[in-house]
Amino acid sequence: MIAISTKAGYDFSLLKAVEEINKQAVYGIVKKAGKLLDGNVKGKTIGILGLSFKPDTDDMRDAPAITVINNLLQEGAVNKSI
């Protein structure tokens, strides 16, 4: 919708703000995980539940769970794929 509104010459700032809040919520999960695990996730193995495809697709490229996983790995979480 943002792309459509931009193409139509409308700055849909409310929707852009919602998109930014949603992105920050994803990063907040990593912060919460760190708080629950003695201050950081480094060296910890963390199970990810609820990993699923994007709605109405068979594509996971932009799924929020992928961002969470990548951020956990960047913070030092251990990668143990099943």
N, C-alpha and C. Protein backbone atom coordinates (compact mmCIF):
# COMPACT_ATOMS: atom_id res chain seq x y z
N MET A 1 0.82 -1.19 0.00
CA MET A 1 0.00 0.00 0.00
C MET A 1 0.86 1.25 0.00
N ILE A 2 2.02 1.18 0.66
CA ILE A 2 2.91 2.34 0.67
C ILE A 2 3.37 2.65 -0.75
N ALA A 3 3.78 1.61 -1.48
CA ALA A 3 4.25 1.81 -2.86
C ALA A 3 3.13 2.37 -3.74
N ILE A 4 1.92 1.87 -3.56
CA ILE A 4 0.80 2.34 -4.36
C ILE A 4 0.50 3.80 -4.05
N SER A 5 0.50 4.15 -2.77
CA SER A 5 0.21 5.53 -2.41
C SER A 5 1.31 6.48 -2.88
N THR A 6 2.56 6.03 -2.82
CA THR A 6 3.67 6.85 -3.29
C THR A 6 3.53 7.09 -4.80
N LYS A 7 3.21 6.02 -5.52
CA LYS A 7 3.03 6.13 -6.96
C LYS A 7 1.90 7.11 -7.30
N ALA A 8 0.89 7.16 -6.44
CA ALA A 8 -0.25 8.06 -6.65
C ALA A 8 0.04 9.47 -6.16
N GLY A 9 1.25 9.68 -5.60
CA GLY A 9 1.63 11.02 -5.14
C GLY A 9 1.18 11.33 -3.73
N TYR A 10 0.80 10.31 -2.97
CA TYR A 10 0.34 10.52 -1.59
C TYR A 10 1.37 9.98 -0.62
N ASP A 11 1.74 10.78 0.37
CA ASP A 11 2.67 10.34 1.42
C ASP A 11 1.86 9.72 2.55
N PHE A 12 1.79 8.41 2.56
CA PHE A 12 0.99 7.67 3.55
C PHE A 12 1.82 7.51 4.82
N SER A 13 2.02 8.60 5.54
CA SER A 13 2.91 8.60 6.70
C SER A 13 2.40 7.71 7.83
N LEU A 14 1.11 7.59 7.99
CA LEU A 14 0.57 6.73 9.04
C LEU A 14 0.97 5.27 8.79
N LEU A 15 0.82 4.81 7.56
CA LEU A 15 1.17 3.43 7.25
C LEU A 15 2.68 3.21 7.37
N LYS A 16 3.48 4.21 7.01
CA LYS A 16 4.93 4.11 7.17
C LYS A 16 5.30 3.99 8.65
N ALA A 17 4.60 4.73 9.50
CA ALA A 17 4.85 4.65 10.94
C ALA A 17 4.48 3.27 11.48
N VAL A 18 3.39 2.71 11.01
CA VAL A 18 2.98 1.36 11.43
C VAL A 18 4.03 0.35 10.99
N GLU A 19 4.53 0.48 9.78
CA GLU A 19 5.56 -0.43 9.28
C GLU A 19 6.81 -0.35 10.16
N GLU A 20 7.21 0.86 10.54
CA GLU A 20 8.40 1.03 11.40
C GLU A 20 8.17 0.43 12.79
N ILE A 21 7.00 0.62 13.35
CA ILE A 21 6.68 0.04 14.65
C ILE A 21 6.74 -1.48 14.58
N ASN A 22 6.23 -2.06 13.52
CA ASN A 22 6.28 -3.52 13.35
C ASN A 22 7.72 -4.01 13.25
N LYS A 23 8.57 -3.28 12.55
CA LYS A 23 9.99 -3.66 12.45
C LYS A 23 10.65 -3.60 13.83
N GLN A 24 10.37 -2.56 14.59
CA GLN A 24 10.95 -2.42 15.91
C GLN A 24 10.47 -3.52 16.85
N ALA A 25 9.24 -3.97 16.68
CA ALA A 25 8.72 -5.06 17.51
C ALA A 25 9.50 -6.34 17.28
N VAL A 26 9.91 -6.59 16.04
CA VAL A 26 10.70 -7.77 15.72
C VAL A 26 12.04 -7.70 16.43
N TYR A 27 12.69 -6.53 16.40
CA TYR A 27 13.97 -6.38 17.07
C TYR A 27 13.81 -6.44 18.60
N GLY A 28 12.65 -6.04 19.09
CA GLY A 28 12.38 -6.10 20.52
C GLY A 28 12.38 -7.51 21.06
N ILE A 29 12.04 -8.47 20.22
CA ILE A 29 12.04 -9.88 20.64
C ILE A 29 13.45 -10.31 21.02
N VAL A 30 14.43 -9.88 20.25
CA VAL A 30 15.82 -10.24 20.54
C VAL A 30 16.26 -9.62 21.86
N LYS A 31 15.88 -8.38 22.10
CA LYS A 31 16.21 -7.72 23.37
C LYS A 31 15.57 -8.45 24.54
N LYS A 32 14.31 -8.84 24.39
CA LYS A 32 13.63 -9.57 25.46
C LYS A 32 14.29 -10.91 25.73
N ALA A 33 14.70 -11.59 24.67
CA ALA A 33 15.39 -12.88 24.83
C ALA A 33 16.66 -12.68 25.64
N GLY A 34 17.41 -11.63 25.33
CA GLY A 34 18.63 -11.34 26.07
C GLY A 34 18.36 -11.09 27.54
N LYS A 35 17.32 -10.34 27.83
CA LYS A 35 16.96 -10.06 29.23
C LYS A 35 16.60 -11.34 29.98
N LEU A 36 15.92 -12.24 29.30
CA LEU A 36 15.52 -13.49 29.94
C LEU A 36 16.68 -14.45 30.14
N LEU A 37 17.77 -14.25 29.38
CA LEU A 37 18.89 -15.17 29.41
C LEU A 37 20.14 -14.51 30.00
N ASP A 38 20.01 -13.98 31.20
CA ASP A 38 21.13 -13.40 31.94
C ASP A 38 21.81 -12.26 31.21
N GLY A 39 21.06 -11.48 30.47
CA GLY A 39 21.62 -10.28 29.86
C GLY A 39 22.05 -10.38 28.42
N ASN A 40 22.25 -11.58 27.90
CA ASN A 40 22.57 -11.71 26.48
C ASN A 40 22.30 -13.13 26.00
N VAL A 41 22.33 -13.29 24.69
CA VAL A 41 22.04 -14.59 24.09
C VAL A 41 23.30 -15.31 23.65
N LYS A 42 24.46 -14.70 23.85
CA LYS A 42 25.72 -15.28 23.38
C LYS A 42 25.93 -16.68 23.96
N GLY A 43 26.18 -17.63 23.05
CA GLY A 43 26.44 -19.00 23.45
C GLY A 43 25.21 -19.80 23.81
N LYS A 44 24.04 -19.21 23.71
CA LYS A 44 22.80 -19.89 24.06
C LYS A 44 22.16 -20.52 22.83
N THR A 45 21.53 -21.67 23.02
CA THR A 45 20.74 -22.30 21.98
C THR A 45 19.29 -21.95 22.25
N ILE A 46 18.63 -21.35 21.29
CA ILE A 46 17.27 -20.85 21.48
C ILE A 46 16.35 -21.51 20.45
N GLY A 47 15.29 -22.15 20.93
CA GLY A 47 14.31 -22.75 20.04
C GLY A 47 13.36 -21.69 19.52
N ILE A 48 13.07 -21.74 18.24
CA ILE A 48 12.15 -20.79 17.63
C ILE A 48 10.86 -21.54 17.29
N LEU A 49 9.78 -21.15 17.94
CA LEU A 49 8.47 -21.75 17.69
C LEU A 49 7.64 -20.80 16.83
N GLY A 50 6.77 -21.35 16.05
CA GLY A 50 5.87 -20.52 15.26
C GLY A 50 6.46 -20.04 13.96
N LEU A 51 7.58 -20.61 13.56
CA LEU A 51 8.18 -20.24 12.28
C LEU A 51 7.26 -20.73 11.17
N SER A 52 6.84 -19.82 10.32
CA SER A 52 5.89 -20.21 9.27
C SER A 52 6.09 -19.35 8.03
N PHE A 53 5.42 -19.74 6.98
CA PHE A 53 5.47 -18.98 5.75
C PHE A 53 4.75 -17.66 5.93
N LYS A 54 5.10 -16.70 5.06
CA LYS A 54 4.34 -15.46 5.04
C LYS A 54 2.90 -15.80 4.69
N PRO A 55 1.94 -15.03 5.19
CA PRO A 55 0.54 -15.35 4.91
C PRO A 55 0.25 -15.47 3.42
N ASP A 56 -0.50 -16.49 3.06
CA ASP A 56 -0.98 -16.72 1.70
C ASP A 56 0.14 -16.93 0.67
N THR A 57 1.30 -17.41 1.12
CA THR A 57 2.39 -17.69 0.18
C THR A 57 3.12 -18.96 0.60
N ASP A 58 4.06 -19.37 -0.21
CA ASP A 58 4.97 -20.44 0.17
C ASP A 58 6.39 -19.88 0.23
N ASP A 59 6.49 -18.61 0.57
CA ASP A 59 7.74 -17.85 0.53
C ASP A 59 8.08 -17.33 1.92
N MET A 60 9.30 -17.61 2.39
CA MET A 60 9.71 -17.16 3.72
C MET A 60 10.76 -16.05 3.67
N ARG A 61 11.12 -15.56 2.50
CA ARG A 61 12.23 -14.62 2.38
C ARG A 61 12.10 -13.41 3.29
N ASP A 62 10.91 -12.84 3.41
CA ASP A 62 10.73 -11.65 4.22
C ASP A 62 9.94 -11.91 5.50
N ALA A 63 9.86 -13.17 5.91
CA ALA A 63 9.12 -13.50 7.13
C ALA A 63 9.82 -12.89 8.34
N PRO A 64 9.08 -12.28 9.27
CA PRO A 64 9.69 -11.67 10.45
C PRO A 64 10.54 -12.64 11.26
N ALA A 65 10.17 -13.91 11.28
CA ALA A 65 10.94 -14.89 12.05
C ALA A 65 12.38 -14.99 11.55
N ILE A 66 12.59 -14.82 10.24
CA ILE A 66 13.94 -14.87 9.68
C ILE A 66 14.77 -13.72 10.24
N THR A 67 14.18 -12.55 10.35
CA THR A 67 14.88 -11.40 10.93
C THR A 67 15.24 -11.67 12.38
N VAL A 68 14.31 -12.24 13.14
CA VAL A 68 14.57 -12.57 14.54
C VAL A 68 15.74 -13.55 14.64
N ILE A 69 15.71 -14.60 13.84
CA ILE A 69 16.77 -15.61 13.87
C ILE A 69 18.11 -14.99 13.51
N ASN A 70 18.15 -14.21 12.45
CA ASN A 70 19.41 -13.58 12.04
C ASN A 70 19.96 -12.66 13.11
N ASN A 71 19.08 -11.91 13.77
CA ASN A 71 19.54 -11.02 14.85
C ASN A 71 20.04 -11.81 16.05
N LEU A 72 19.38 -12.90 16.38
CA LEU A 72 19.85 -13.75 17.48
C LEU A 72 21.24 -14.30 17.17
N LEU A 73 21.43 -14.73 15.93
CA LEU A 73 22.74 -15.25 15.53
C LEU A 73 23.81 -14.16 15.57
N GLN A 74 23.47 -12.94 15.14
CA GLN A 74 24.40 -11.83 15.19
C GLN A 74 24.79 -11.49 16.62
N GLU A 75 23.85 -11.72 17.54
CA GLU A 75 24.13 -11.46 18.96
C GLU A 75 24.87 -12.61 19.62
N GLY A 76 25.15 -13.68 18.87
CA GLY A 76 25.96 -14.77 19.39
C GLY A 76 25.22 -16.03 19.77
N ALA A 77 23.93 -16.10 19.48
CA ALA A 77 23.19 -17.34 19.77
C ALA A 77 23.78 -18.47 18.93
N VAL A 78 23.60 -19.70 19.41
CA VAL A 78 24.18 -20.87 18.75
C VAL A 78 23.20 -21.40 17.71
N ASN A 79 23.73 -21.75 16.53
CA ASN A 79 22.92 -22.29 15.43
C ASN A 79 23.00 -23.81 15.47
N LYS A 80 21.90 -24.46 15.86
CA LYS A 80 21.81 -25.91 15.87
C LYS A 80 20.56 -26.31 15.12
N SER A 81 20.64 -26.35 13.82
CA SER A 81 19.48 -26.72 12.99
C SER A 81 19.17 -28.19 13.18
N ILE A 82 17.88 -28.50 13.11
CA ILE A 82 17.44 -29.90 13.27
C ILE A 82 17.41 -30.55 11.92
